[in-house]
PDB file of N, CA and C in Angstrom:
ATOM      1  N   MET A   1      -4.359 -10.016 -13.600  1.00  0.00           N
ATOM      2  CA  MET A   1      -4.550 -10.333 -12.212  1.00  0.00           C
ATOM      3  C   MET A   1      -5.692  -9.412 -11.650  1.00  0.00           C
ATOM      4  N   ALA A   2      -5.508  -8.020 -11.937  1.00  0.00           N
ATOM      5  CA  ALA A   2      -6.488  -7.122 -11.170  1.00  0.00           C
ATOM      6  C   ALA A   2      -7.972  -7.502 -11.654  1.00  0.00           C
ATOM      7  N   ALA A   3      -8.236  -7.867 -12.937  1.00  0.00           N
ATOM      8  CA  ALA A   3      -9.668  -8.033 -13.369  1.00  0.00           C
ATOM      9  C   ALA A   3     -10.136  -9.247 -12.477  1.00  0.00           C
ATOM     10  N   ALA A   4      -9.210 -10.102 -12.304  1.00  0.00           N
ATOM     11  CA  ALA A   4      -9.858 -11.426 -11.557  1.00  0.00           C
ATOM     12  C   ALA A   4     -10.356 -11.085 -10.296  1.00  0.00           C
ATOM     13  N   TRP A   5      -9.936 -10.148  -9.451  1.00  0.00           N
ATOM     14  CA  TRP A   5     -10.447  -9.775  -8.080  1.00  0.00           C
ATOM     15  C   TRP A   5     -11.906  -9.182  -8.369  1.00  0.00           C
ATOM     16  N   PHE A   6     -12.004  -8.374  -9.431  1.00  0.00           N
ATOM     17  CA  PHE A   6     -13.373  -7.764  -9.797  1.00  0.00           C
ATOM     18  C   PHE A   6     -14.416  -8.708 -10.279  1.00  0.00           C
ATOM     19  N   ASN A   7     -13.846  -9.714 -11.048  1.00  0.00           N
ATOM     20  CA  ASN A   7     -14.630 -10.908 -11.404  1.00  0.00           C
ATOM     21  C   ASN A   7     -15.175 -11.764 -10.160  1.00  0.00           C
ATOM     22  N   LYS A   8     -14.332 -11.938  -9.016  1.00  0.00           N
ATOM     23  CA  LYS A   8     -14.766 -12.636  -7.842  1.00  0.00           C
ATOM     24  C   LYS A   8     -15.875 -11.786  -7.323  1.00  0.00           C
ATOM     25  N   VAL A   9     -15.938 -10.616  -7.258  1.00  0.00           N
ATOM     26  CA  VAL A   9     -17.138  -9.910  -6.692  1.00  0.00           C
ATOM     27  C   VAL A   9     -18.233  -9.583  -7.518  1.00  0.00           C
ATOM     28  N   GLY A  10     -18.155 -10.195  -8.797  1.00  0.00           N
ATOM     29  CA  GLY A  10     -19.177 -10.064  -9.873  1.00  0.00           C
ATOM     30  C   GLY A  10     -19.113  -8.906 -10.794  1.00  0.00           C
ATOM     31  N   ILE A  11     -17.922  -8.317 -10.948  1.00  0.00           N
ATOM     32  CA  ILE A  11     -17.780  -7.140 -11.762  1.00  0.00           C
ATOM     33  C   ILE A  11     -17.007  -7.659 -12.889  1.00  0.00           C
ATOM     34  N   SER A  12     -17.513  -7.344 -14.150  1.00  0.00           N
ATOM     35  CA  SER A  12     -17.145  -7.854 -15.422  1.00  0.00           C
ATOM     36  C   SER A  12     -15.789  -6.978 -15.899  1.00  0.00           C
ATOM     37  N   SER A  13     -14.718  -7.913 -16.573  1.00  0.00           N
ATOM     38  CA  SER A  13     -13.614  -7.141 -16.701  1.00  0.00           C
ATOM     39  C   SER A  13     -13.743  -6.022 -17.799  1.00  0.00           C
ATOM     40  N   THR A  14     -14.881  -6.034 -18.491  1.00  0.00           N
ATOM     41  CA  THR A  14     -15.181  -4.700 -19.205  1.00  0.00           C
ATOM     42  C   THR A  14     -15.511  -3.649 -18.486  1.00  0.00           C
ATOM     43  N   LEU A  15     -16.391  -3.749 -17.401  1.00  0.00           N
ATOM     44  CA  LEU A  15     -16.751  -2.588 -16.556  1.00  0.00           C
ATOM     45  C   LEU A  15     -15.553  -2.262 -15.678  1.00  0.00           C
ATOM     46  N   TYR A  16     -14.754  -3.231 -15.398  1.00  0.00           N
ATOM     47  CA  TYR A  16     -13.336  -2.721 -14.600  1.00  0.00           C
ATOM     48  C   TYR A  16     -12.633  -1.962 -15.451  1.00  0.00           C
ATOM     49  N   LYS A  17     -12.534  -2.053 -16.691  1.00  0.00           N
ATOM     50  CA  LYS A  17     -11.652  -1.203 -17.660  1.00  0.00           C
ATOM     51  C   LYS A  17     -12.451   0.108 -17.857  1.00  0.00           C
ATOM     52  N   ARG A  18     -13.597   0.396 -17.778  1.00  0.00           N
ATOM     53  CA  ARG A  18     -14.312   1.571 -17.893  1.00  0.00           C
ATOM     54  C   ARG A  18     -14.698   2.234 -16.666  1.00  0.00           C
ATOM     55  N   THR A  19     -14.323   1.571 -15.336  1.00  0.00           N
ATOM     56  CA  THR A  19     -14.828   2.120 -14.244  1.00  0.00           C
ATOM     57  C   THR A  19     -14.010   3.248 -13.634  1.00  0.00           C
ATOM     58  N   SER A  20     -14.610   4.032 -12.911  1.00  0.00           N
ATOM     59  CA  SER A  20     -13.967   5.300 -12.204  1.00  0.00           C
ATOM     60  C   SER A  20     -12.943   4.719 -11.275  1.00  0.00           C
ATOM     61  N   ILE A  21     -12.065   5.489 -10.694  1.00  0.00           N
ATOM     62  CA  ILE A  21     -11.109   5.108  -9.879  1.00  0.00           C
ATOM     63  C   ILE A  21     -11.649   4.807  -8.359  1.00  0.00           C
ATOM     64  N   SER A  22     -12.898   4.980  -8.096  1.00  0.00           N
ATOM     65  CA  SER A  22     -13.410   4.821  -6.666  1.00  0.00           C
ATOM     66  C   SER A  22     -13.719   3.342  -6.581  1.00  0.00           C
ATOM     67  N   LEU A  23     -13.996   2.578  -7.571  1.00  0.00           N
ATOM     68  CA  LEU A  23     -14.378   1.197  -7.321  1.00  0.00           C
ATOM     69  C   LEU A  23     -12.895   0.451  -6.956  1.00  0.00           C
ATOM     70  N   PRO A  24     -11.782   0.676  -7.727  1.00  0.00           N
ATOM     71  CA  PRO A  24     -10.317   0.042  -7.277  1.00  0.00           C
ATOM     72  C   PRO A  24     -10.159   0.720  -5.980  1.00  0.00           C
ATOM     73  N   ARG A  25     -10.385   1.795  -5.475  1.00  0.00           N
ATOM     74  CA  ARG A  25     -10.111   2.175  -4.118  1.00  0.00           C
ATOM     75  C   ARG A  25     -10.690   1.357  -3.040  1.00  0.00           C
ATOM     76  N   CYS A  26     -12.070   1.077  -3.222  1.00  0.00           N
ATOM     77  CA  CYS A  26     -12.805   0.212  -2.390  1.00  0.00           C
ATOM     78  C   CYS A  26     -12.079  -1.170  -2.383  1.00  0.00           C
ATOM     79  N   MET A  27     -11.694  -1.678  -3.486  1.00  0.00           N
ATOM     80  CA  MET A  27     -10.958  -2.997  -3.515  1.00  0.00           C
ATOM     81  C   MET A  27      -9.646  -3.112  -2.872  1.00  0.00           C
ATOM     82  N   ILE A  28      -8.826  -1.944  -2.982  1.00  0.00           N
ATOM     83  CA  ILE A  28      -7.631  -2.033  -2.330  1.00  0.00           C
ATOM     84  C   ILE A  28      -7.808  -1.935  -0.739  1.00  0.00           C
ATOM     85  N   ASP A  29      -8.805  -1.143  -0.488  1.00  0.00           N
ATOM     86  CA  ASP A  29      -9.134  -0.947   1.041  1.00  0.00           C
ATOM     87  C   ASP A  29      -9.507  -2.309   1.713  1.00  0.00           C
ATOM     88  N   LEU A  30     -10.478  -2.992   0.951  1.00  0.00           N
ATOM     89  CA  LEU A  30     -10.927  -4.388   1.369  1.00  0.00           C
ATOM     90  C   LEU A  30      -9.782  -5.452   1.496  1.00  0.00           C
ATOM     91  N   LEU A  31      -9.083  -5.340   0.404  1.00  0.00           N
ATOM     92  CA  LEU A  31      -7.869  -6.395   0.357  1.00  0.00           C
ATOM     93  C   LEU A  31      -6.954  -6.177   1.590  1.00  0.00           C
ATOM     94  N   GLY A  32      -6.681  -4.791   1.719  1.00  0.00           N
ATOM     95  CA  GLY A  32      -5.827  -4.446   2.836  1.00  0.00           C
ATOM     96  C   GLY A  32      -6.343  -4.812   4.148  1.00  0.00           C
ATOM     97  N   ARG A  33      -7.584  -4.837   4.360  1.00  0.00           N
ATOM     98  CA  ARG A  33      -8.205  -5.005   5.668  1.00  0.00           C
ATOM     99  C   ARG A  33      -8.425  -6.612   5.834  1.00  0.00           C
ATOM    100  N   ALA A  34      -8.280  -7.294   4.904  1.00  0.00           N
ATOM    101  CA  ALA A  34      -8.259  -8.665   4.728  1.00  0.00           C
ATOM    102  C   ALA A  34      -6.864  -9.331   4.969  1.00  0.00           C
ATOM    103  N   ARG A  35      -5.766  -8.350   5.164  1.00  0.00           N
ATOM    104  CA  ARG A  35      -4.399  -8.736   5.196  1.00  0.00           C
ATOM    105  C   ARG A  35      -3.857  -9.377   3.852  1.00  0.00           C
ATOM    106  N   GLU A  36      -4.524  -9.063   2.718  1.00  0.00           N
ATOM    107  CA  GLU A  36      -4.013  -9.436   1.404  1.00  0.00           C
ATOM    108  C   GLU A  36      -3.228  -8.434   0.914  1.00  0.00           C
ATOM    109  N   LEU A  37      -2.084  -8.072   1.363  1.00  0.00           N
ATOM    110  CA  LEU A  37      -1.401  -6.940   1.025  1.00  0.00           C
ATOM    111  C   LEU A  37      -0.735  -7.083  -0.279  1.00  0.00           C
ATOM    112  N   SER A  38      -0.148  -8.407  -0.451  1.00  0.00           N
ATOM    113  CA  SER A  38       0.409  -8.671  -1.761  1.00  0.00           C
ATOM    114  C   SER A  38      -0.515  -8.422  -2.913  1.00  0.00           C
ATOM    115  N   GLU A  39      -1.722  -9.054  -2.619  1.00  0.00           N
ATOM    116  CA  GLU A  39      -2.756  -8.940  -3.757  1.00  0.00           C
ATOM    117  C   GLU A  39      -3.216  -7.465  -3.966  1.00  0.00           C
ATOM    118  N   ALA A  40      -3.303  -6.806  -3.002  1.00  0.00           N
ATOM    119  CA  ALA A  40      -3.620  -5.174  -3.189  1.00  0.00           C
ATOM    120  C   ALA A  40      -2.615  -4.610  -3.959  1.00  0.00           C
ATOM    121  N   TYR A  41      -1.271  -4.959  -3.587  1.00  0.00           N
ATOM    122  CA  TYR A  41      -0.066  -4.212  -4.390  1.00  0.00           C
ATOM    123  C   TYR A  41      -0.216  -4.671  -5.917  1.00  0.00           C
ATOM    124  N   VAL A  42      -0.513  -6.080  -6.093  1.00  0.00           N
ATOM    125  CA  VAL A  42      -0.590  -6.530  -7.580  1.00  0.00           C
ATOM    126  C   VAL A  42      -1.666  -5.793  -8.261  1.00  0.00           C
ATOM    127  N   LEU A  43      -2.818  -5.518  -7.466  1.00  0.00           N
ATOM    128  CA  LEU A  43      -3.999  -4.942  -8.104  1.00  0.00           C
ATOM    129  C   LEU A  43      -3.594  -3.439  -8.624  1.00  0.00           C
ATOM    130  N   ILE A  44      -2.922  -2.727  -7.551  1.00  0.00           N
ATOM    131  CA  ILE A  44      -2.500  -1.322  -8.008  1.00  0.00           C
ATOM    132  C   ILE A  44      -1.678  -1.306  -9.184  1.00  0.00           C
ATOM    133  N   LYS A  45      -0.569  -2.303  -9.096  1.00  0.00           N
ATOM    134  CA  LYS A  45       0.262  -2.430 -10.251  1.00  0.00           C
ATOM    135  C   LYS A  45      -0.242  -2.677 -11.601  1.00  0.00           C
ATOM    136  N   GLY A  46      -1.412  -3.549 -11.588  1.00  0.00           N
ATOM    137  CA  GLY A  46      -2.058  -4.121 -12.649  1.00  0.00           C
ATOM    138  C   GLY A  46      -3.146  -3.059 -13.291  1.00  0.00           C
ATOM    139  N   MET A  47      -3.357  -1.958 -12.538  1.00  0.00           N
ATOM    140  CA  MET A  47      -4.445  -1.158 -13.097  1.00  0.00           C
ATOM    141  C   MET A  47      -4.152  -0.494 -14.624  1.00  0.00           C
ATOM    142  N   PRO A  48      -5.527  -0.417 -15.186  1.00  0.00           N
ATOM    143  CA  PRO A  48      -5.229   0.256 -16.599  1.00  0.00           C
ATOM    144  C   PRO A  48      -4.916   1.650 -16.682  1.00  0.00           C
ATOM    145  N   PHE A  49      -4.900   2.300 -15.316  1.00  0.00           N
ATOM    146  CA  PHE A  49      -4.797   3.715 -15.226  1.00  0.00           C
ATOM    147  C   PHE A  49      -3.724   3.858 -14.170  1.00  0.00           C
ATOM    148  N   LYS A  50      -3.132   5.332 -14.081  1.00  0.00           N
ATOM    149  CA  LYS A  50      -2.138   5.392 -13.042  1.00  0.00           C
ATOM    150  C   LYS A  50      -2.764   5.566 -11.763  1.00  0.00           C
ATOM    151  N   PRO A  51      -2.268   4.797 -10.752  1.00  0.00           N
ATOM    152  CA  PRO A  51      -2.792   4.808  -9.393  1.00  0.00           C
ATOM    153  C   PRO A  51      -2.645   6.223  -8.800  1.00  0.00           C
ATOM    154  N   ASP A  52      -3.524   6.661  -7.938  1.00  0.00           N
ATOM    155  CA  ASP A  52      -3.479   8.038  -7.373  1.00  0.00           C
ATOM    156  C   ASP A  52      -3.061   7.928  -5.940  1.00  0.00           C
ATOM    157  N   SER A  53      -2.887   8.945  -5.373  1.00  0.00           N
ATOM    158  CA  SER A  53      -2.463   8.912  -3.898  1.00  0.00           C
ATOM    159  C   SER A  53      -3.502   8.229  -2.831  1.00  0.00           C
ATOM    160  N   VAL A  54      -4.693   8.261  -3.068  1.00  0.00           N
ATOM    161  CA  VAL A  54      -5.633   7.642  -2.500  1.00  0.00           C
ATOM    162  C   VAL A  54      -5.390   6.209  -2.286  1.00  0.00           C
ATOM    163  N   LEU A  55      -5.077   5.584  -3.431  1.00  0.00           N
ATOM    164  CA  LEU A  55      -4.879   4.051  -3.493  1.00  0.00           C
ATOM    165  C   LEU A  55      -3.545   3.712  -2.716  1.00  0.00           C
ATOM    166  N   TRP A  56      -2.430   4.454  -3.071  1.00  0.00           N
ATOM    167  CA  TRP A  56      -1.296   4.202  -2.383  1.00  0.00           C
ATOM    168  C   TRP A  56      -1.527   4.438  -0.863  1.00  0.00           C
ATOM    169  N   ALA A  57      -2.302   5.507  -0.509  1.00  0.00           N
ATOM    170  CA  ALA A  57      -2.365   5.714   0.876  1.00  0.00           C
ATOM    171  C   ALA A  57      -3.226   4.459   1.762  1.00  0.00           C
ATOM    172  N   ALA A  58      -4.265   3.886   0.860  1.00  0.00           N
ATOM    173  CA  ALA A  58      -4.918   2.814   1.450  1.00  0.00           C
ATOM    174  C   ALA A  58      -3.959   1.573   1.637  1.00  0.00           C
ATOM    175  N   LEU A  59      -3.051   1.365   0.641  1.00  0.00           N
ATOM    176  CA  LEU A  59      -2.142   0.262   0.896  1.00  0.00           C
ATOM    177  C   LEU A  59      -1.286   0.706   2.141  1.00  0.00           C
ATOM    178  N   LEU A  60      -0.797   1.743   2.278  1.00  0.00           N
ATOM    179  CA  LEU A  60       0.288   2.193   3.246  1.00  0.00           C
ATOM    180  C   LEU A  60      -0.422   2.134   4.601  1.00  0.00           C
ATOM    181  N   MET A  61      -1.722   2.529   4.784  1.00  0.00           N
ATOM    182  CA  MET A  61      -2.484   2.353   5.883  1.00  0.00           C
ATOM    183  C   MET A  61      -2.624   0.855   6.414  1.00  0.00           C
ATOM    184  N   SER A  62      -2.753   0.098   5.471  1.00  0.00           N
ATOM    185  CA  SER A  62      -2.941  -1.389   5.761  1.00  0.00           C
ATOM    186  C   SER A  62      -1.731  -1.934   6.208  1.00  0.00           C
ATOM    187  N   CYS A  63      -0.546  -1.479   5.441  1.00  0.00           N
ATOM    188  CA  CYS A  63       0.730  -1.829   5.917  1.00  0.00           C
ATOM    189  C   CYS A  63       1.115  -1.525   7.324  1.00  0.00           C
ATOM    190  N   SER A  64       0.664  -0.242   7.675  1.00  0.00           N
ATOM    191  CA  SER A  64       0.886   0.181   8.933  1.00  0.00           C
ATOM    192  C   SER A  64       0.040  -0.702  10.010  1.00  0.00           C
ATOM    193  N   PHE A  65      -1.102  -1.020   9.698  1.00  0.00           N
ATOM    194  CA  PHE A  65      -1.834  -1.761  10.723  1.00  0.00           C
ATOM    195  C   PHE A  65      -1.269  -3.179  10.944  1.00  0.00           C
ATOM    196  N   TYR A  66      -0.703  -3.798   9.877  1.00  0.00           N
ATOM    197  CA  TYR A  66      -0.127  -5.154   9.987  1.00  0.00           C
ATOM    198  C   TYR A  66       1.491  -5.093  10.110  1.00  0.00           C
ATOM    199  N   GLY A  67       1.988  -3.888  10.038  1.00  0.00           N
ATOM    200  CA  GLY A  67       3.520  -3.825  10.239  1.00  0.00           C
ATOM    201  C   GLY A  67       4.162  -4.444   9.001  1.00  0.00           C
ATOM    202  N   ASN A  68       3.761  -4.288   7.797  1.00  0.00           N
ATOM    203  CA  ASN A  68       4.363  -4.718   6.810  1.00  0.00           C
ATOM    204  C   ASN A  68       5.351  -3.657   5.937  1.00  0.00           C
ATOM    205  N   ILE A  69       6.658  -3.571   6.198  1.00  0.00           N
ATOM    206  CA  ILE A  69       7.529  -2.739   5.735  1.00  0.00           C
ATOM    207  C   ILE A  69       7.644  -2.895   4.238  1.00  0.00           C
ATOM    208  N   GLU A  70       7.633  -4.059   3.633  1.00  0.00           N
ATOM    209  CA  GLU A  70       7.858  -4.252   2.319  1.00  0.00           C
ATOM    210  C   GLU A  70       7.126  -3.483   1.204  1.00  0.00           C
ATOM    211  N   PHE A  71       5.727  -3.804   1.518  1.00  0.00           N
ATOM    212  CA  PHE A  71       4.884  -2.802   0.742  1.00  0.00           C
ATOM    213  C   PHE A  71       4.613  -1.528   1.119  1.00  0.00           C
ATOM    214  N   ALA A  72       4.993  -1.220   2.304  1.00  0.00           N
ATOM    215  CA  ALA A  72       4.879   0.161   2.743  1.00  0.00           C
ATOM    216  C   ALA A  72       6.012   1.044   2.194  1.00  0.00           C
ATOM    217  N   GLU A  73       6.987   0.416   2.010  1.00  0.00           N
ATOM    218  CA  GLU A  73       8.129   1.161   1.297  1.00  0.00           C
ATOM    219  C   GLU A  73       7.828   1.659  -0.176  1.00  0.00           C
ATOM    220  N   GLU A  74       7.200   0.740  -0.881  1.00  0.00           N
ATOM    221  CA  GLU A  74       6.732   0.907  -2.280  1.00  0.00           C
ATOM    222  C   GLU A  74       5.656   2.012  -2.144  1.00  0.00           C
ATOM    223  N   ALA A  75       4.491   1.878  -1.270  1.00  0.00           N
ATOM    224  CA  ALA A  75       3.657   2.828  -1.215  1.00  0.00           C
ATOM    225  C   ALA A  75       4.183   4.279  -0.937  1.00  0.00           C
ATOM    226  N   ALA A  76       5.096   4.280   0.117  1.00  0.00           N
ATOM    227  CA  ALA A  76       5.583   5.484   0.322  1.00  0.00           C
ATOM    228  C   ALA A  76       6.397   6.144  -0.674  1.00  0.00           C
ATOM    229  N   ASP A  77       7.194   5.412  -1.361  1.00  0.00           N
ATOM    230  CA  ASP A  77       7.755   5.830  -2.565  1.00  0.00           C
ATOM    231  C   ASP A  77       7.022   6.464  -3.475  1.00  0.00           C
ATOM    232  N   ALA A  78       5.726   5.873  -3.702  1.00  0.00           N
ATOM    233  CA  ALA A  78       4.778   6.481  -4.725  1.00  0.00           C
ATOM    234  C   ALA A  78       4.164   7.805  -4.144  1.00  0.00           C
ATOM    235  N   LEU A  79       3.878   7.723  -2.788  1.00  0.00           N
ATOM    236  CA  LEU A  79       3.405   8.975  -2.210  1.00  0.00           C
ATOM    237  C   LEU A  79       4.224  10.107  -2.203  1.00  0.00           C
ATOM    238  N   PHE A  80       5.540   9.769  -1.874  1.00  0.00           N
ATOM    239  CA  PHE A  80       6.449  10.698  -1.898  1.00  0.00           C
ATOM    240  C   PHE A  80       6.645  11.506  -3.348  1.00  0.00           C
ATOM    241  N   GLU A  81       6.404  10.772  -4.437  1.00  0.00           N
ATOM    242  CA  GLU A  81       6.269  11.289  -5.708  1.00  0.00           C
ATOM    243  C   GLU A  81       5.146  11.889  -6.039  1.00  0.00           C
ATOM    244  N   LEU A  82       4.013  11.589  -5.524  1.00  0.00           N
ATOM    245  CA  LEU A  82       2.613  12.250  -5.751  1.00  0.00           C
ATOM    246  C   LEU A  82       2.353  13.181  -4.880  1.00  0.00           C
ATOM    247  N   GLU A  83       2.771  13.128  -3.686  1.00  0.00           N
ATOM    248  CA  GLU A  83       2.668  14.290  -2.721  1.00  0.00           C
ATOM    249  C   GLU A  83       3.793  14.574  -1.849  1.00  0.00           C
ATOM    250  N   PRO A  84       4.705  15.231  -2.405  1.00  0.00           N
ATOM    251  CA  PRO A  84       6.010  15.466  -1.738  1.00  0.00           C
ATOM    252  C   PRO A  84       5.754  16.388  -0.380  1.00  0.00           C
ATOM    253  N   TRP A  85       4.601  17.054  -0.452  1.00  0.00           N
ATOM    254  CA  TRP A  85       4.425  18.049   0.662  1.00  0.00           C
ATOM    255  C   TRP A  85       3.673  17.423   1.696  1.00  0.00           C
ATOM    256  N   ASN A  86       3.338  16.226   1.668  1.00  0.00           N
ATOM    257  CA  ASN A  86       2.490  15.464   2.756  1.00  0.00           C
ATOM    258  C   ASN A  86       3.457  14.802   3.846  1.00  0.00           C
ATOM    259  N   PRO A  87       3.412  15.399   5.058  1.00  0.00           N
ATOM    260  CA  PRO A  87       4.387  14.881   6.032  1.00  0.00           C
ATOM    261  C   PRO A  87       3.677  13.655   6.638  1.00  0.00           C
ATOM    262  N   GLY A  88       2.365  13.283   6.481  1.00  0.00           N
ATOM    263  CA  GLY A  88       1.683  12.013   6.850  1.00  0.00           C
ATOM    264  C   GLY A  88       2.421  10.840   6.511  1.00  0.00           C
ATOM    265  N   VAL A  89       2.844  10.694   5.490  1.00  0.00           N
ATOM    266  CA  VAL A  89       3.727   9.649   4.937  1.00  0.00           C
ATOM    267  C   VAL A  89       4.873   9.215   5.926  1.00  0.00           C
ATOM    268  N   HIS A  90       5.544  10.292   6.220  1.00  0.00           N
ATOM    269  CA  HIS A  90       6.874  10.130   7.099  1.00  0.00           C
ATOM    270  C   HIS A  90       6.385   9.523   8.498  1.00  0.00           C
ATOM    271  N   VAL A  91       5.279  10.039   8.993  1.00  0.00           N
ATOM    272  CA  VAL A  91       4.825   9.667  10.259  1.00  0.00           C
ATOM    273  C   VAL A  91       4.405   8.264  10.337  1.00  0.00           C
ATOM    274  N   ILE A  92       3.691   7.911   9.275  1.00  0.00           N
ATOM    275  CA  ILE A  92       3.179   6.321   9.204  1.00  0.00           C
ATOM    276  C   ILE A  92       4.376   5.462   9.039  1.00  0.00           C
ATOM    277  N   LEU A  93       5.406   5.951   8.256  1.00  0.00           N
ATOM    278  CA  LEU A  93       6.612   4.960   7.909  1.00  0.00           C
ATOM    279  C   LEU A  93       7.220   4.948   9.588  1.00  0.00           C
ATOM    280  N   SER A  94       7.365   6.054  10.233  1.00  0.00           N
ATOM    281  CA  SER A  94       7.991   6.091  11.562  1.00  0.00           C
ATOM    282  C   SER A  94       7.247   5.053  12.414  1.00  0.00           C
ATOM    283  N   ASN A  95       6.010   5.144  12.304  1.00  0.00           N
ATOM    284  CA  ASN A  95       5.067   4.267  13.307  1.00  0.00           C
ATOM    285  C   ASN A  95       5.369   2.954  12.840  1.00  0.00           C
ATOM    286  N   ILE A  96       5.451   2.482  11.560  1.00  0.00           N
ATOM    287  CA  ILE A  96       5.828   1.140  11.163  1.00  0.00           C
ATOM    288  C   ILE A  96       7.069   0.675  11.747  1.00  0.00           C
ATOM    289  N   MET A  97       8.036   1.487  11.628  1.00  0.00           N
ATOM    290  CA  MET A  97       9.472   1.198  12.178  1.00  0.00           C
ATOM    291  C   MET A  97       9.292   0.994  13.723  1.00  0.00           C
ATOM    292  N   HIS A  98       8.522   1.744  14.407  1.00  0.00           N
ATOM    293  CA  HIS A  98       8.458   1.620  15.755  1.00  0.00           C
ATOM    294  C   HIS A  98       7.909   0.177  16.098  1.00  0.00           C
ATOM    295  N   GLN A  99       7.109  -0.194  15.303  1.00  0.00           N
ATOM    296  CA  GLN A  99       6.230  -1.435  15.553  1.00  0.00           C
ATOM    297  C   GLN A  99       7.379  -2.470  15.349  1.00  0.00           C
ATOM    298  N   LEU A 100       8.055  -2.433  14.246  1.00  0.00           N
ATOM    299  CA  LEU A 100       9.191  -3.424  13.901  1.00  0.00           C
ATOM    300  C   LEU A 100      10.241  -3.519  14.975  1.00  0.00           C
ATOM    301  N   VAL A 101      10.590  -2.357  15.667  1.00  0.00           N
ATOM    302  CA  VAL A 101      11.717  -2.299  16.747  1.00  0.00           C
ATOM    303  C   VAL A 101      11.188  -3.079  17.670  1.00  0.00           C
ATOM    304  N   ASN A 102       9.850  -2.777  18.165  1.00  0.00           N
ATOM    305  CA  ASN A 102       9.235  -3.483  19.245  1.00  0.00           C
ATOM    306  C   ASN A 102       9.022  -5.045  19.135  1.00  0.00           C
ATOM    307  N   ARG A 103       9.075  -5.547  17.894  1.00  0.00           N
ATOM    308  CA  ARG A 103       8.865  -6.809  17.674  1.00  0.00           C
ATOM    309  C   ARG A 103      10.208  -7.565  17.458  1.00  0.00           C
ATOM    310  N   LYS A 104      11.139  -6.711  17.356  1.00  0.00           N
ATOM    311  CA  LYS A 104      12.700  -7.107  17.123  1.00  0.00           C
ATOM    312  C   LYS A 104      12.950  -7.809  15.756  1.00  0.00           C
ATOM    313  N   GLU A 105      11.841  -7.657  14.935  1.00  0.00           N
ATOM    314  CA  GLU A 105      12.142  -8.101  13.267  1.00  0.00           C
ATOM    315  C   GLU A 105      13.034  -7.013  12.804  1.00  0.00           C
ATOM    316  N   PHE A 106      12.986  -5.795  13.184  1.00  0.00           N
ATOM    317  CA  PHE A 106      13.740  -4.733  12.697  1.00  0.00           C
ATOM    318  C   PHE A 106      15.198  -5.033  12.611  1.00  0.00           C
ATOM    319  N   LYS A 107      15.639  -5.435  13.739  1.00  0.00           N
ATOM    320  CA  LYS A 107      17.099  -5.759  13.846  1.00  0.00           C
ATOM    321  C   LYS A 107      17.675  -6.759  13.094  1.00  0.00           C
ATOM    322  N   ASP A 108      16.836  -7.685  12.629  1.00  0.00           N
ATOM    323  CA  ASP A 108      17.329  -8.688  11.728  1.00  0.00           C
ATOM    324  C   ASP A 108      17.180  -8.364  10.193  1.00  0.00           C
ATOM    325  N   MET A 109      16.586  -7.144   9.828  1.00  0.00           N
ATOM    326  CA  MET A 109      16.589  -6.742   8.567  1.00  0.00           C
ATOM    327  C   MET A 109      17.827  -5.929   8.182  1.00  0.00           C
ATOM    328  N   GLU A 110      18.087  -5.910   6.928  1.00  0.00           N
ATOM    329  CA  GLU A 110      19.206  -4.964   6.402  1.00  0.00           C
ATOM    330  C   GLU A 110      18.473  -3.784   6.051  1.00  0.00           C
ATOM    331  N   VAL A 111      18.983  -2.602   6.524  1.00  0.00           N
ATOM    332  CA  VAL A 111      18.404  -1.267   6.375  1.00  0.00           C
ATOM    333  C   VAL A 111      19.436  -0.409   6.161  1.00  0.00           C
ATOM    334  N   ASP A 112      19.158   0.555   5.358  1.00  0.00           N
ATOM    335  CA  ASP A 112      20.106   1.744   5.057  1.00  0.00           C
ATOM    336  C   ASP A 112      20.233   2.805   6.212  1.00  0.00           C
ATOM    337  N   GLU A 113      21.124   3.587   6.124  1.00  0.00           N
ATOM    338  CA  GLU A 113      21.260   4.710   7.209  1.00  0.00           C
ATOM    339  C   GLU A 113      20.021   5.668   7.613  1.00  0.00           C
ATOM    340  N   THR A 114      19.150   5.593   6.576  1.00  0.00           N
ATOM    341  CA  THR A 114      17.911   6.500   6.799  1.00  0.00           C
ATOM    342  C   THR A 114      17.032   5.795   7.781  1.00  0.00           C
ATOM    343  N   TRP A 115      16.850   4.409   7.553  1.00  0.00           N
ATOM    344  CA  TRP A 115      16.013   3.651   8.587  1.00  0.00           C
ATOM    345  C   TRP A 115      16.632   3.648   9.961  1.00  0.00           C
ATOM    346  N   LYS A 116      17.882   3.351   9.936  1.00  0.00           N
ATOM    347  CA  LYS A 116      18.613   3.404  11.112  1.00  0.00           C
ATOM    348  C   LYS A 116      18.415   4.609  11.861  1.00  0.00           C
ATOM    349  N   ALA A 117      18.531   5.729  11.276  1.00  0.00           N
ATOM    350  CA  ALA A 117      18.403   7.109  12.008  1.00  0.00           C
ATOM    351  C   ALA A 117      16.787   7.261  12.640  1.00  0.00           C
ATOM    352  N   MET A 118      15.993   6.571  12.050  1.00  0.00           N
ATOM    353  CA  MET A 118      14.562   6.570  12.649  1.00  0.00           C
ATOM    354  C   MET A 118      14.298   5.772  13.891  1.00  0.00           C
ATOM    355  N   GLU A 119      15.219   4.923  14.090  1.00  0.00           N
ATOM    356  CA  GLU A 119      14.972   4.045  15.524  1.00  0.00           C
ATOM    357  C   GLU A 119      14.923   4.930  16.708  1.00  0.00           C
TER     358      GLU A 119
END
């Protein structure tokens, strides 16, 4: 699936497999800006190399912009593992929760005690 996105923009699957990580970073950012968060997530998971913190942060920022908690949690979990010292992840998750509370979607979701404490 990941190679399909690169083929759409004229990049062969052979080049994709040999590419540096900067090309996928741009694609994740573009997909996130286009509100294609599920496609960005699938692209990250389908990469032939281990995603780095910049890829996950790009997804997290897009989730923050669009208020998507589902992929934000996945991205945050990965970032907590890669950069446990980075407090920015907590701030972004807090902002997403605040957005959801304001839209009243948060109250309809099942959340654990950690998320309830962030209200």
